[in-house]
Amino acid sequence: MKLKRISWQLSPENPFHLSQQSFEKEECFEILDVHRELHLNYNVSGTAYSRVGDKFITMERGDLMLNIPWEIHGTKHVSANLQLYSLTIDTDSLLKALLFCSNRLQLLFLLSVEERWKLLQNPKLKTKLSLLLSTLFNLKRQDKQLLRMEQWLLILQIFVTILAYIPVQEKLAEKVNRLAPAIELLTKKTDVSVSDAAGICHLSVSRFSYLFSKVYRISFKTYQLEQRLNRAAVNLKEGMSVKETAASEKFFDTSYFVKCFVKRFGITPGKFK
């Protein structure tokens, strides 16, 4: 199965991309996608059978699906007359724009595929989002800069609306806050030890490890490895060689880097390039 990478050239100046897809006849696909951007898909009509992470979901008319950063996903089968609205968003731009509720946004990212699907199945939320998305995709103005600004404000409203429906988990939110310094440190350094991460959070190593596993459902070491591989994917995409990429993320054994990359993305770094 092929893994597809698309570059939308997203940036703080161009934080989103809108696309509409229509299928006149029934089709099957063998391509999966993986990237650091967010996807929000809205099924206008027809049926789509998709893979999200390691789960398979059937999207009917009016259904929505959110793909979080670095989540493997792809449409496997579509019915005739399928129409999809697809919104792609630069994750960093969204986090900065919603800084005042970034913790709740992080909680959204922590939801499993099943939890996200259940959240977006809420009838009241679906009604609100379908209206906002229809407005977003049908908005027209002669002034392109003004149009982009209005579209971005609608996108922010869409996510604020979603965040309002996330079940209140105060204890989990407190744990996310407590671990935030370690997550921020990981974005700046490749070689962060568990003791360094625990220290910056003012926690013992054992307490930090326990909280981290509870919140992120994986160990700190595994999370750190995933972040290194995510950055490696970006470097490969930007033209860096496999050997250079491995070294940049402190994989001193290239064969081990290749093994880890395949386990994470299901494809070798060489083919990913």
C-alpha atoms as a PDB file:
ATOM      1  CA  MET A   1       0.000   0.000   0.000  1.00  0.00           C
ATOM      2  CA  LYS A   2       1.399   3.394  -1.000  1.00  0.00           C
ATOM      3  CA  LEU A   3       1.725   6.291   1.415  1.00  0.00           C
ATOM      4  CA  LYS A   4       0.851   9.646  -0.098  1.00  0.00           C
ATOM      5  CA  ARG A   5       2.302  12.989   0.956  1.00  0.00           C
ATOM      6  CA  ILE A   6       0.801  16.267  -0.196  1.00  0.00           C
ATOM      7  CA  SER A   7       2.396  19.666   0.327  1.00  0.00           C
ATOM      8  CA  TRP A   8      -0.131  22.477   0.685  1.00  0.00           C
ATOM      9  CA  GLN A   9       2.615  25.057   1.318  1.00  0.00           C
ATOM     10  CA  LEU A  10       0.912  26.057   4.561  1.00  0.00           C
ATOM     11  CA  SER A  11       2.458  28.724   6.790  1.00  0.00           C
ATOM     12  CA  PRO A  12       1.401  31.440   9.270  1.00  0.00           C
ATOM     13  CA  GLU A  13       0.651  33.610   6.218  1.00  0.00           C
ATOM     14  CA  ASN A  14      -1.278  30.782   4.514  1.00  0.00           C
ATOM     15  CA  PRO A  15      -2.630  28.617   7.379  1.00  0.00           C
ATOM     16  CA  PHE A  16      -5.328  26.606   5.593  1.00  0.00           C
ATOM     17  CA  HIS A  17      -6.426  24.976   2.343  1.00  0.00           C
ATOM     18  CA  LEU A  18      -9.973  24.229   1.168  1.00  0.00           C
ATOM     19  CA  SER A  19     -10.854  21.534  -1.341  1.00  0.00           C
ATOM     20  CA  GLN A  20     -14.024  19.927  -2.661  1.00  0.00           C
ATOM     21  CA  GLN A  21     -14.017  16.394  -4.021  1.00  0.00           C
ATOM     22  CA  SER A  22     -16.743  14.815  -6.175  1.00  0.00           C
ATOM     23  CA  PHE A  23     -16.963  11.245  -7.480  1.00  0.00           C
ATOM     24  CA  GLU A  24     -19.415  10.402 -10.238  1.00  0.00           C
ATOM     25  CA  LYS A  25     -18.841   6.656  -9.982  1.00  0.00           C
ATOM     26  CA  GLU A  26     -17.908   4.101  -7.326  1.00  0.00           C
ATOM     27  CA  GLU A  27     -14.156   3.869  -6.795  1.00  0.00           C
ATOM     28  CA  CYS A  28     -11.586   2.022  -4.633  1.00  0.00           C
ATOM     29  CA  PHE A  29      -8.168   3.320  -3.546  1.00  0.00           C
ATOM     30  CA  GLU A  30      -4.937   1.841  -2.215  1.00  0.00           C
ATOM     31  CA  ILE A  31      -3.273   5.084  -1.064  1.00  0.00           C
ATOM     32  CA  LEU A  32      -2.805   6.268   2.526  1.00  0.00           C
ATOM     33  CA  ASP A  33      -1.803   9.751   3.634  1.00  0.00           C
ATOM     34  CA  VAL A  34       0.307  11.057   6.532  1.00  0.00           C
ATOM     35  CA  HIS A  35       1.350  14.628   7.399  1.00  0.00           C
ATOM     36  CA  ARG A  36       1.654  17.120  10.245  1.00  0.00           C
ATOM     37  CA  GLU A  37      -1.393  19.156   9.197  1.00  0.00           C
ATOM     38  CA  LEU A  38      -4.943  18.710  10.498  1.00  0.00           C
ATOM     39  CA  HIS A  39      -7.784  17.474   8.299  1.00  0.00           C
ATOM     40  CA  LEU A  40     -11.486  18.095   8.878  1.00  0.00           C
ATOM     41  CA  ASN A  41     -13.658  16.290   6.347  1.00  0.00           C
ATOM     42  CA  TYR A  42     -17.408  16.783   5.880  1.00  0.00           C
ATOM     43  CA  ASN A  43     -19.465  14.328   3.840  1.00  0.00           C
ATOM     44  CA  VAL A  44     -21.979  16.334   1.792  1.00  0.00           C
ATOM     45  CA  SER A  45     -23.491  13.306   0.037  1.00  0.00           C
ATOM     46  CA  GLY A  46     -22.785   9.642  -0.645  1.00  0.00           C
ATOM     47  CA  THR A  47     -20.711   7.173   1.375  1.00  0.00           C
ATOM     48  CA  ALA A  48     -16.978   6.929   2.055  1.00  0.00           C
ATOM     49  CA  TYR A  49     -15.224   3.986   3.721  1.00  0.00           C
ATOM     50  CA  SER A  50     -12.011   5.280   5.276  1.00  0.00           C
ATOM     51  CA  ARG A  51      -9.073   4.227   7.405  1.00  0.00           C
ATOM     52  CA  VAL A  52      -8.197   6.460  10.354  1.00  0.00           C
ATOM     53  CA  GLY A  53      -5.197   5.276  12.358  1.00  0.00           C
ATOM     54  CA  ASP A  54      -5.744   1.529  12.702  1.00  0.00           C
ATOM     55  CA  LYS A  55      -9.555   1.816  12.540  1.00  0.00           C
ATOM     56  CA  PHE A  56     -12.001   1.701   9.620  1.00  0.00           C
ATOM     57  CA  ILE A  57     -14.967   4.067   9.543  1.00  0.00           C
ATOM     58  CA  THR A  58     -17.932   4.467   7.202  1.00  0.00           C
ATOM     59  CA  MET A  59     -18.860   8.114   6.646  1.00  0.00           C
ATOM     60  CA  GLU A  60     -22.433   8.743   5.548  1.00  0.00           C
ATOM     61  CA  ARG A  61     -24.062  11.999   4.479  1.00  0.00           C
ATOM     62  CA  GLY A  62     -23.626  14.685   7.168  1.00  0.00           C
ATOM     63  CA  ASP A  63     -20.781  12.861   8.959  1.00  0.00           C
ATOM     64  CA  LEU A  64     -17.510  14.560   9.901  1.00  0.00           C
ATOM     65  CA  MET A  65     -14.057  13.212  10.652  1.00  0.00           C
ATOM     66  CA  LEU A  66     -11.056  14.985  12.136  1.00  0.00           C
ATOM     67  CA  ASN A  67      -7.562  13.647  11.428  1.00  0.00           C
ATOM     68  CA  ILE A  68      -4.951  14.798  13.938  1.00  0.00           C
ATOM     69  CA  PRO A  69      -1.270  15.442  13.070  1.00  0.00           C
ATOM     70  CA  TRP A  70       0.740  12.410  11.914  1.00  0.00           C
ATOM     71  CA  GLU A  71      -2.271  10.102  11.971  1.00  0.00           C
ATOM     72  CA  ILE A  72      -2.235   7.676   9.039  1.00  0.00           C
ATOM     73  CA  HIS A  73      -5.500   7.994   7.116  1.00  0.00           C
ATOM     74  CA  GLY A  74      -7.037   7.518   3.703  1.00  0.00           C
ATOM     75  CA  THR A  75     -10.260   6.832   1.834  1.00  0.00           C
ATOM     76  CA  LYS A  76     -10.498   3.178   0.810  1.00  0.00           C
ATOM     77  CA  HIS A  77     -13.805   3.077  -1.045  1.00  0.00           C
ATOM     78  CA  VAL A  78     -16.346   5.661  -2.178  1.00  0.00           C
ATOM     79  CA  SER A  79     -19.862   5.414  -3.528  1.00  0.00           C
ATOM     80  CA  ALA A  80     -21.114   7.082  -6.679  1.00  0.00           C
ATOM     81  CA  ASN A  81     -22.074  10.741  -6.214  1.00  0.00           C
ATOM     82  CA  LEU A  82     -19.859  11.185  -3.143  1.00  0.00           C
ATOM     83  CA  GLN A  83     -19.110  14.833  -2.362  1.00  0.00           C
ATOM     84  CA  LEU A  84     -16.614  15.831   0.322  1.00  0.00           C
ATOM     85  CA  TYR A  85     -15.569  19.153   1.802  1.00  0.00           C
ATOM     86  CA  SER A  86     -11.982  18.872   3.005  1.00  0.00           C
ATOM     87  CA  LEU A  87     -10.327  21.468   5.236  1.00  0.00           C
ATOM     88  CA  THR A  88      -6.565  21.245   5.810  1.00  0.00           C
ATOM     89  CA  ILE A  89      -5.038  23.397   8.560  1.00  0.00           C
ATOM     90  CA  ASP A  90      -1.525  24.234   9.717  1.00  0.00           C
ATOM     91  CA  THR A  91      -1.435  22.861  13.267  1.00  0.00           C
ATOM     92  CA  ASP A  92       0.964  25.457  14.671  1.00  0.00           C
ATOM     93  CA  SER A  93      -1.128  28.321  13.281  1.00  0.00           C
ATOM     94  CA  LEU A  94      -4.270  26.886  14.855  1.00  0.00           C
ATOM     95  CA  LEU A  95      -2.567  26.415  18.228  1.00  0.00           C
ATOM     96  CA  LYS A  96      -1.298  29.995  18.202  1.00  0.00           C
ATOM     97  CA  ALA A  97      -4.657  31.415  17.137  1.00  0.00           C
ATOM     98  CA  LEU A  98      -6.456  29.491  19.886  1.00  0.00           C
ATOM     99  CA  LEU A  99      -3.791  30.036  22.502  1.00  0.00           C
ATOM    100  CA  PHE A 100      -6.377  31.017  25.123  1.00  0.00           C
ATOM    101  CA  CYS A 101      -7.898  27.515  24.895  1.00  0.00           C
ATOM    102  CA  SER A 102      -4.835  25.551  23.771  1.00  0.00           C
ATOM    103  CA  ASN A 103      -5.181  23.090  26.667  1.00  0.00           C
ATOM    104  CA  ARG A 104      -8.649  22.106  25.473  1.00  0.00           C
ATOM    105  CA  LEU A 105      -7.283  21.780  21.928  1.00  0.00           C
ATOM    106  CA  GLN A 106      -4.601  19.442  23.274  1.00  0.00           C
ATOM    107  CA  LEU A 107      -7.370  17.383  24.903  1.00  0.00           C
ATOM    108  CA  LEU A 108      -9.001  17.102  21.473  1.00  0.00           C
ATOM    109  CA  PHE A 109      -5.727  15.759  20.052  1.00  0.00           C
ATOM    110  CA  LEU A 110      -5.565  13.199  22.869  1.00  0.00           C
ATOM    111  CA  LEU A 111      -8.934  11.678  22.005  1.00  0.00           C
ATOM    112  CA  SER A 112      -8.769   8.263  20.361  1.00  0.00           C
ATOM    113  CA  VAL A 113     -10.245   7.697  16.897  1.00  0.00           C
ATOM    114  CA  GLU A 114     -13.383   6.225  18.486  1.00  0.00           C
ATOM    115  CA  GLU A 115     -13.718   9.126  20.941  1.00  0.00           C
ATOM    116  CA  ARG A 116     -13.321  11.723  18.177  1.00  0.00           C
ATOM    117  CA  TRP A 117     -15.877   9.925  16.009  1.00  0.00           C
ATOM    118  CA  LYS A 118     -18.358   9.787  18.902  1.00  0.00           C
ATOM    119  CA  LEU A 119     -17.798  13.486  19.644  1.00  0.00           C
ATOM    120  CA  LEU A 120     -18.499  14.480  16.038  1.00  0.00           C
ATOM    121  CA  GLN A 121     -21.626  12.304  15.954  1.00  0.00           C
ATOM    122  CA  ASN A 122     -23.345  14.601  18.457  1.00  0.00           C
ATOM    123  CA  PRO A 123     -26.503  15.761  16.560  1.00  0.00           C
ATOM    124  CA  LYS A 124     -26.375  19.360  17.825  1.00  0.00           C
ATOM    125  CA  LEU A 125     -22.667  19.662  17.041  1.00  0.00           C
ATOM    126  CA  LYS A 126     -23.144  18.163  13.558  1.00  0.00           C
ATOM    127  CA  THR A 127     -25.899  20.682  12.798  1.00  0.00           C
ATOM    128  CA  LYS A 128     -23.727  23.632  13.888  1.00  0.00           C
ATOM    129  CA  LEU A 129     -20.647  22.401  12.029  1.00  0.00           C
ATOM    130  CA  SER A 130     -22.522  21.601   8.816  1.00  0.00           C
ATOM    131  CA  LEU A 131     -23.835  25.185   8.746  1.00  0.00           C
ATOM    132  CA  LEU A 132     -20.397  26.673   9.423  1.00  0.00           C
ATOM    133  CA  LEU A 133     -18.679  24.447   6.851  1.00  0.00           C
ATOM    134  CA  SER A 134     -21.306  25.171   4.193  1.00  0.00           C
ATOM    135  CA  THR A 135     -20.809  28.893   4.837  1.00  0.00           C
ATOM    136  CA  LEU A 136     -17.031  28.480   4.706  1.00  0.00           C
ATOM    137  CA  PHE A 137     -16.977  26.616   1.390  1.00  0.00           C
ATOM    138  CA  ASN A 138     -19.547  28.847  -0.297  1.00  0.00           C
ATOM    139  CA  LEU A 139     -18.195  32.200   0.888  1.00  0.00           C
ATOM    140  CA  LYS A 140     -17.344  34.548  -1.984  1.00  0.00           C
ATOM    141  CA  ARG A 141     -15.755  38.005  -2.105  1.00  0.00           C
ATOM    142  CA  GLN A 142     -13.913  39.937  -4.783  1.00  0.00           C
ATOM    143  CA  ASP A 143     -11.250  41.036  -2.314  1.00  0.00           C
ATOM    144  CA  LYS A 144      -9.137  37.872  -1.881  1.00  0.00           C
ATOM    145  CA  GLN A 145      -7.359  39.078   1.260  1.00  0.00           C
ATOM    146  CA  LEU A 146     -10.641  39.878   2.942  1.00  0.00           C
ATOM    147  CA  LEU A 147     -12.033  36.524   1.798  1.00  0.00           C
ATOM    148  CA  ARG A 148      -9.104  34.635   3.341  1.00  0.00           C
ATOM    149  CA  MET A 149      -9.495  36.539   6.609  1.00  0.00           C
ATOM    150  CA  GLU A 150     -13.225  35.756   6.793  1.00  0.00           C
ATOM    151  CA  GLN A 151     -12.532  32.105   6.003  1.00  0.00           C
ATOM    152  CA  TRP A 152      -9.866  31.894   8.734  1.00  0.00           C
ATOM    153  CA  LEU A 153     -12.235  33.433  11.283  1.00  0.00           C
ATOM    154  CA  LEU A 154     -14.870  30.851  10.323  1.00  0.00           C
ATOM    155  CA  ILE A 155     -12.314  28.048  10.748  1.00  0.00           C
ATOM    156  CA  LEU A 156     -11.470  29.311  14.231  1.00  0.00           C
ATOM    157  CA  GLN A 157     -15.187  29.421  15.019  1.00  0.00           C
ATOM    158  CA  ILE A 158     -15.512  25.824  13.816  1.00  0.00           C
ATOM    159  CA  PHE A 159     -12.832  24.639  16.234  1.00  0.00           C
ATOM    160  CA  VAL A 160     -14.114  26.719  19.132  1.00  0.00           C
ATOM    161  CA  THR A 161     -17.494  25.072  18.514  1.00  0.00           C
ATOM    162  CA  ILE A 162     -15.917  21.597  18.569  1.00  0.00           C
ATOM    163  CA  LEU A 163     -13.939  22.371  21.733  1.00  0.00           C
ATOM    164  CA  ALA A 164     -17.123  23.465  23.520  1.00  0.00           C
ATOM    165  CA  TYR A 165     -18.479  19.918  23.124  1.00  0.00           C
ATOM    166  CA  ILE A 166     -15.474  18.109  24.571  1.00  0.00           C
ATOM    167  CA  PRO A 167     -16.534  16.539  27.889  1.00  0.00           C
ATOM    168  CA  VAL A 168     -15.081  18.473  30.817  1.00  0.00           C
ATOM    169  CA  GLN A 169     -12.090  16.574  32.171  1.00  0.00           C
ATOM    170  CA  GLU A 170     -10.623  18.939  34.724  1.00  0.00           C
ATOM    171  CA  LYS A 171      -8.241  16.373  36.193  1.00  0.00           C
ATOM    172  CA  LEU A 172      -6.916  15.458  32.761  1.00  0.00           C
ATOM    173  CA  ALA A 173      -6.581  19.144  31.862  1.00  0.00           C
ATOM    174  CA  GLU A 174      -4.567  19.698  35.050  1.00  0.00           C
ATOM    175  CA  LYS A 175      -2.246  16.835  34.096  1.00  0.00           C
ATOM    176  CA  VAL A 176      -1.812  18.253  30.581  1.00  0.00           C
ATOM    177  CA  ASN A 177      -0.851  21.603  32.131  1.00  0.00           C
ATOM    178  CA  ARG A 178       1.580  19.900  34.489  1.00  0.00           C
ATOM    179  CA  LEU A 179       3.312  18.099  31.619  1.00  0.00           C
ATOM    180  CA  ALA A 180       3.287  21.081  29.216  1.00  0.00           C
ATOM    181  CA  PRO A 181       6.898  22.204  30.003  1.00  0.00           C
ATOM    182  CA  ALA A 182       8.201  18.765  29.010  1.00  0.00           C
ATOM    183  CA  ILE A 183       6.253  18.789  25.737  1.00  0.00           C
ATOM    184  CA  GLU A 184       7.583  22.261  24.946  1.00  0.00           C
ATOM    185  CA  LEU A 185      11.136  21.109  25.728  1.00  0.00           C
ATOM    186  CA  LEU A 186      10.741  18.243  23.251  1.00  0.00           C
ATOM    187  CA  THR A 187      10.003  20.729  20.471  1.00  0.00           C
ATOM    188  CA  LYS A 188      13.343  22.443  21.112  1.00  0.00           C
ATOM    189  CA  LYS A 189      15.709  19.552  21.847  1.00  0.00           C
ATOM    190  CA  THR A 190      16.237  16.093  20.367  1.00  0.00           C
ATOM    191  CA  ASP A 191      18.030  14.458  23.294  1.00  0.00           C
ATOM    192  CA  VAL A 192      15.790  15.027  26.325  1.00  0.00           C
ATOM    193  CA  SER A 193      16.176  12.501  29.133  1.00  0.00           C
ATOM    194  CA  VAL A 194      13.274  11.427  31.330  1.00  0.00           C
ATOM    195  CA  SER A 195      14.986  13.057  34.306  1.00  0.00           C
ATOM    196  CA  ASP A 196      15.339  16.359  32.380  1.00  0.00           C
ATOM    197  CA  ALA A 197      11.649  16.240  31.432  1.00  0.00           C
ATOM    198  CA  ALA A 198      10.582  15.374  34.976  1.00  0.00           C
ATOM    199  CA  GLY A 199      12.802  18.113  36.422  1.00  0.00           C
ATOM    200  CA  ILE A 200      11.382  20.894  34.259  1.00  0.00           C
ATOM    201  CA  CYS A 201       7.899  19.797  35.393  1.00  0.00           C
ATOM    202  CA  HIS A 202       9.050  19.771  39.044  1.00  0.00           C
ATOM    203  CA  LEU A 203       8.125  16.097  39.393  1.00  0.00           C
ATOM    204  CA  SER A 204       9.990  12.973  40.417  1.00  0.00           C
ATOM    205  CA  VAL A 205      10.891  10.630  37.557  1.00  0.00           C
ATOM    206  CA  SER A 206       8.446   7.979  38.753  1.00  0.00           C
ATOM    207  CA  ARG A 207       5.559  10.447  39.160  1.00  0.00           C
ATOM    208  CA  PHE A 208       6.315  12.088  35.805  1.00  0.00           C
ATOM    209  CA  SER A 209       6.440   8.718  34.012  1.00  0.00           C
ATOM    210  CA  TYR A 210       3.145   7.668  35.599  1.00  0.00           C
ATOM    211  CA  LEU A 211       1.345  10.901  34.652  1.00  0.00           C
ATOM    212  CA  PHE A 212       2.766  10.899  31.142  1.00  0.00           C
ATOM    213  CA  SER A 213       1.566   7.355  30.450  1.00  0.00           C
ATOM    214  CA  LYS A 214      -1.862   8.192  31.870  1.00  0.00           C
ATOM    215  CA  VAL A 215      -2.297  11.297  29.707  1.00  0.00           C
ATOM    216  CA  TYR A 216      -0.635  10.283  26.427  1.00  0.00           C
ATOM    217  CA  ARG A 217      -1.282   6.521  26.684  1.00  0.00           C
ATOM    218  CA  ILE A 218       2.322   5.772  25.776  1.00  0.00           C
ATOM    219  CA  SER A 219       5.611   6.124  27.623  1.00  0.00           C
ATOM    220  CA  PHE A 220       7.665   9.319  27.480  1.00  0.00           C
ATOM    221  CA  LYS A 221      10.404   7.423  25.617  1.00  0.00           C
ATOM    222  CA  THR A 222       7.942   6.241  22.946  1.00  0.00           C
ATOM    223  CA  TYR A 223       6.423   9.731  22.623  1.00  0.00           C
ATOM    224  CA  GLN A 224       9.879  11.249  22.216  1.00  0.00           C
ATOM    225  CA  LEU A 225      10.764   8.684  19.552  1.00  0.00           C
ATOM    226  CA  GLU A 226       7.572   9.528  17.643  1.00  0.00           C
ATOM    227  CA  GLN A 227       8.421  13.239  17.720  1.00  0.00           C
ATOM    228  CA  ARG A 228      11.909  12.537  16.372  1.00  0.00           C
ATOM    229  CA  LEU A 229      10.430  10.431  13.566  1.00  0.00           C
ATOM    230  CA  ASN A 230       7.880  13.147  12.777  1.00  0.00           C
ATOM    231  CA  ARG A 231      10.667  15.704  12.412  1.00  0.00           C
ATOM    232  CA  ALA A 232      12.602  13.188  10.330  1.00  0.00           C
ATOM    233  CA  ALA A 233       9.629  12.874   7.968  1.00  0.00           C
ATOM    234  CA  VAL A 234       9.620  16.653   7.499  1.00  0.00           C
ATOM    235  CA  ASN A 235      13.369  16.656   6.805  1.00  0.00           C
ATOM    236  CA  LEU A 236      13.007  13.863   4.249  1.00  0.00           C
ATOM    237  CA  LYS A 237      10.180  15.726   2.584  1.00  0.00           C
ATOM    238  CA  GLU A 238      12.396  18.817   2.327  1.00  0.00           C
ATOM    239  CA  GLY A 239      15.098  16.880   0.497  1.00  0.00           C
ATOM    240  CA  MET A 240      17.470  15.665   3.215  1.00  0.00           C
ATOM    241  CA  SER A 241      19.052  12.259   2.591  1.00  0.00           C
ATOM    242  CA  VAL A 242      18.156   9.261   4.752  1.00  0.00           C
ATOM    243  CA  LYS A 243      21.624   9.227   6.338  1.00  0.00           C
ATOM    244  CA  GLU A 244      21.567  12.984   7.040  1.00  0.00           C
ATOM    245  CA  THR A 245      18.068  12.735   8.474  1.00  0.00           C
ATOM    246  CA  ALA A 246      19.041   9.892  10.788  1.00  0.00           C
ATOM    247  CA  ALA A 247      22.031  11.890  12.069  1.00  0.00           C
ATOM    248  CA  SER A 248      19.971  15.069  12.541  1.00  0.00           C
ATOM    249  CA  GLU A 249      17.667  13.230  14.935  1.00  0.00           C
ATOM    250  CA  LYS A 250      20.536  11.483  16.749  1.00  0.00           C
ATOM    251  CA  PHE A 251      19.981   8.042  15.188  1.00  0.00           C
ATOM    252  CA  PHE A 252      23.603   6.997  14.986  1.00  0.00           C
ATOM    253  CA  ASP A 253      22.629   3.641  13.448  1.00  0.00           C
ATOM    254  CA  THR A 254      20.883   4.295  10.117  1.00  0.00           C
ATOM    255  CA  SER A 255      19.470   0.771   9.961  1.00  0.00           C
ATOM    256  CA  TYR A 256      17.810   1.287  13.354  1.00  0.00           C
ATOM    257  CA  PHE A 257      16.370   4.584  12.114  1.00  0.00           C
ATOM    258  CA  VAL A 258      14.931   2.808   9.066  1.00  0.00           C
ATOM    259  CA  LYS A 259      13.420   0.109  11.288  1.00  0.00           C
ATOM    260  CA  CYS A 260      11.795   2.698  13.582  1.00  0.00           C
ATOM    261  CA  PHE A 261      10.526   4.726  10.611  1.00  0.00           C
ATOM    262  CA  VAL A 262       8.892   1.695   9.009  1.00  0.00           C
ATOM    263  CA  LYS A 263       7.217   0.783  12.288  1.00  0.00           C
ATOM    264  CA  ARG A 264       5.867   4.330  12.656  1.00  0.00           C
ATOM    265  CA  PHE A 265       4.754   5.038   9.069  1.00  0.00           C
ATOM    266  CA  GLY A 266       4.595   1.638   7.367  1.00  0.00           C
ATOM    267  CA  ILE A 267       7.079   2.623   4.653  1.00  0.00           C
ATOM    268  CA  THR A 268      10.851   3.009   4.375  1.00  0.00           C
ATOM    269  CA  PRO A 269      12.411   6.513   4.549  1.00  0.00           C
ATOM    270  CA  GLY A 270      13.754   6.050   1.039  1.00  0.00           C
ATOM    271  CA  LYS A 271      10.299   5.423  -0.431  1.00  0.00           C
ATOM    272  CA  PHE A 272       8.816   8.203   1.709  1.00  0.00           C
ATOM    273  CA  LYS A 273      11.146  10.697  -0.004  1.00  0.00           C
END
